[in-house]
Structures are given as structure tokens and as C-alpha cells.
Protein backbone atom coordinates (compact mmCIF):
# COMPACT_ATOMS: atom_id res chain seq x y z
CA MET A 1 -5.45 14.87 38.89
CA GLU A 2 -3.88 16.16 35.80
CA ASP A 3 -1.10 14.75 33.68
CA ASP A 4 -0.41 18.22 31.97
CA GLU A 5 1.82 20.05 34.48
CA SER A 6 0.82 23.57 33.20
CA VAL A 7 -2.95 22.92 33.61
CA ARG A 8 -2.27 21.17 37.00
CA LYS A 9 -0.30 24.21 38.17
CA ALA A 10 -2.78 26.74 37.10
CA THR A 11 -5.56 24.81 38.63
CA GLU A 12 -3.57 24.62 41.90
CA ASN A 13 -2.94 28.32 41.94
CA LEU A 14 -6.45 29.07 41.19
CA ILE A 15 -7.80 27.01 44.15
CA ARG A 16 -4.98 28.22 46.41
CA SER A 17 -5.85 32.01 45.72
CA MET A 18 -9.23 31.22 47.27
CA GLY A 19 -7.55 30.14 50.44
CA TRP A 20 -7.93 26.44 50.25
CA ASP A 21 -5.57 23.76 50.77
CA VAL A 22 -4.46 21.93 47.49
CA LEU A 23 -2.82 18.66 46.78
CA THR A 24 -1.98 17.89 43.14
CA PHE A 25 -1.04 14.51 41.54
CA ASP A 26 0.03 13.72 38.05
CA SER A 27 -1.91 10.42 37.76
CA ALA A 28 -5.02 8.63 39.16
CA GLU A 29 -2.66 5.90 40.69
CA ALA A 30 -0.53 8.53 42.47
CA PHE A 31 -3.66 9.99 44.10
CA LEU A 32 -5.04 6.58 45.11
CA ASP A 33 -1.72 5.62 46.63
CA SER A 34 -1.21 8.94 48.46
CA GLY A 35 -3.64 8.31 51.43
CA ALA A 36 -5.22 11.60 50.63
CA VAL A 37 -8.40 10.04 49.37
CA VAL A 38 -10.05 10.06 52.86
CA ILE A 39 -9.32 13.76 53.51
CA THR A 40 -10.27 14.91 49.96
CA ARG A 41 -13.30 17.16 50.04
CA CYS A 42 -13.47 18.01 46.29
CA LEU A 43 -11.71 16.25 43.40
CA ILE A 44 -10.81 17.81 40.11
CA SER A 45 -9.74 15.26 37.66
CA ASP A 46 -8.75 15.17 34.08
CA VAL A 47 -10.53 12.31 32.28
CA THR A 48 -7.72 11.08 29.93
CA MET A 49 -4.45 10.19 31.54
CA PRO A 50 -1.85 7.52 31.38
CA GLY A 51 -2.90 4.53 33.36
CA LEU A 52 -6.44 4.84 34.98
CA SER A 53 -8.60 7.33 33.47
CA GLY A 54 -10.36 9.81 35.74
CA ILE A 55 -13.70 7.94 35.07
CA GLU A 56 -12.10 4.60 36.06
CA MET A 57 -10.42 6.12 39.17
CA HIS A 58 -13.77 7.80 40.20
CA ALA A 59 -15.45 4.16 39.68
CA GLN A 60 -12.94 2.76 42.20
CA LEU A 61 -13.47 5.60 44.58
CA LEU A 62 -17.15 4.88 44.54
CA ALA A 63 -16.69 1.14 45.09
CA THR A 64 -14.67 1.93 48.30
CA GLY A 65 -17.24 4.58 49.43
CA HIS A 66 -14.72 7.28 49.37
CA ALA A 67 -15.86 9.33 46.38
CA PRO A 68 -15.52 13.03 47.02
CA PRO A 69 -17.60 15.54 44.96
CA THR A 70 -15.73 15.25 41.51
CA VAL A 71 -15.34 17.75 38.72
CA PHE A 72 -14.13 16.23 35.52
CA ILE A 73 -12.14 18.24 32.86
CA THR A 74 -11.22 16.91 29.45
CA GLY A 75 -9.77 17.97 26.12
CA ASN A 76 -11.56 14.98 24.41
CA PRO A 77 -15.16 14.97 25.55
CA THR A 78 -17.35 12.00 24.58
CA ALA A 79 -20.97 11.38 25.14
CA GLN A 80 -20.16 8.08 26.87
CA ASP A 81 -17.79 9.52 29.34
CA SER A 82 -20.20 12.48 30.04
CA ALA A 83 -23.05 10.00 30.77
CA THR A 84 -21.00 7.85 32.80
CA ALA A 85 -19.52 10.73 34.95
CA GLN A 86 -23.03 12.09 35.46
CA ALA A 87 -24.58 8.69 36.28
CA ASN A 88 -21.92 8.26 38.91
CA GLY A 89 -22.77 11.55 40.54
CA ALA A 90 -20.10 13.92 39.26
CA LEU A 91 -20.51 17.35 39.90
CA ALA A 92 -19.46 18.47 36.37
CA TYR A 93 -18.06 17.17 33.20
CA LEU A 94 -16.33 20.20 31.55
CA GLU A 95 -14.42 20.62 28.22
CA LYS A 96 -11.03 22.27 28.23
CA PRO A 97 -10.27 25.04 28.32
CA VAL A 98 -12.31 25.60 31.41
CA ASP A 99 -13.10 29.11 32.58
CA SER A 100 -11.63 29.56 36.18
CA ASN A 101 -15.06 30.95 37.46
CA THR A 102 -16.61 27.87 36.32
CA ILE A 103 -14.17 25.60 38.34
CA LEU A 104 -14.45 27.89 41.27
CA HIS A 105 -18.30 27.64 41.16
CA TYR A 106 -18.11 23.95 41.35
CA VAL A 107 -15.48 23.86 44.09
CA GLN A 108 -17.57 26.28 46.12
CA GLN A 109 -20.61 24.03 45.67
CA ALA A 110 -18.64 21.04 46.82
CA LEU A 111 -17.38 22.66 49.80
CA GLY A 112 -20.59 24.54 50.76
CA THR A 113 -19.06 27.96 50.52
CA PRO A 114 -20.66 31.14 49.01
């Protein structure tokens, strides 16, 4: 999830370049309403978005038992959000701009690929 279209497209292209299927959403609500939650194997989410934040969305996913491995990215990191994300089992909490190799590392970790 990413509300910034240019960041969303760049991340989509990066993940597709590795041969993985990608679904993108511009909000947490769009993702939650999509029906894609149960097939999602790795989630990359912005923290600050209109409506539900990435952290709030992740909490909802945890409550339903359908929280995939999650990488949070943010342009406005806070100690509180980082602590919450890590306490809730996030793979990573990364500050923008995020190096593409770092994103790939965490996606590979989530998918169990070398």
C-alpha cells in the first residue's frame, strides 16, 4: 500500500522485475476490501496514508489472523511507530528513500527465496 503513485509504481516494477506477481493499492482500505488479503504472501506498506495508517491496517490483519509478513516504509519515522511495528512482528520498518536491494532482501526473506 502506498498513496504516492510514483513510489507505488517504482516498488511494483522492482518486485515484478524479480518475476513475482504484484497487486498494488493506494490505501489500506482498498487492500482490505479487495479480497486479496488471504492470498498475500508479503506486504509492503507505507505507514502514513489517508484513512487507516499502515500500522492500523496491520493491527486489523493481526486481529483477523491474516497478517502476511510486512515491510513498512515511511517518510516520517517515529519511535512509537517503529516500536509498534516491531512488537507486532513486522519484518522491517524502513525510512524513505529505501534502497531497492533492501526491499528485495525483505521480500526474499518473506517468500523464502534466495
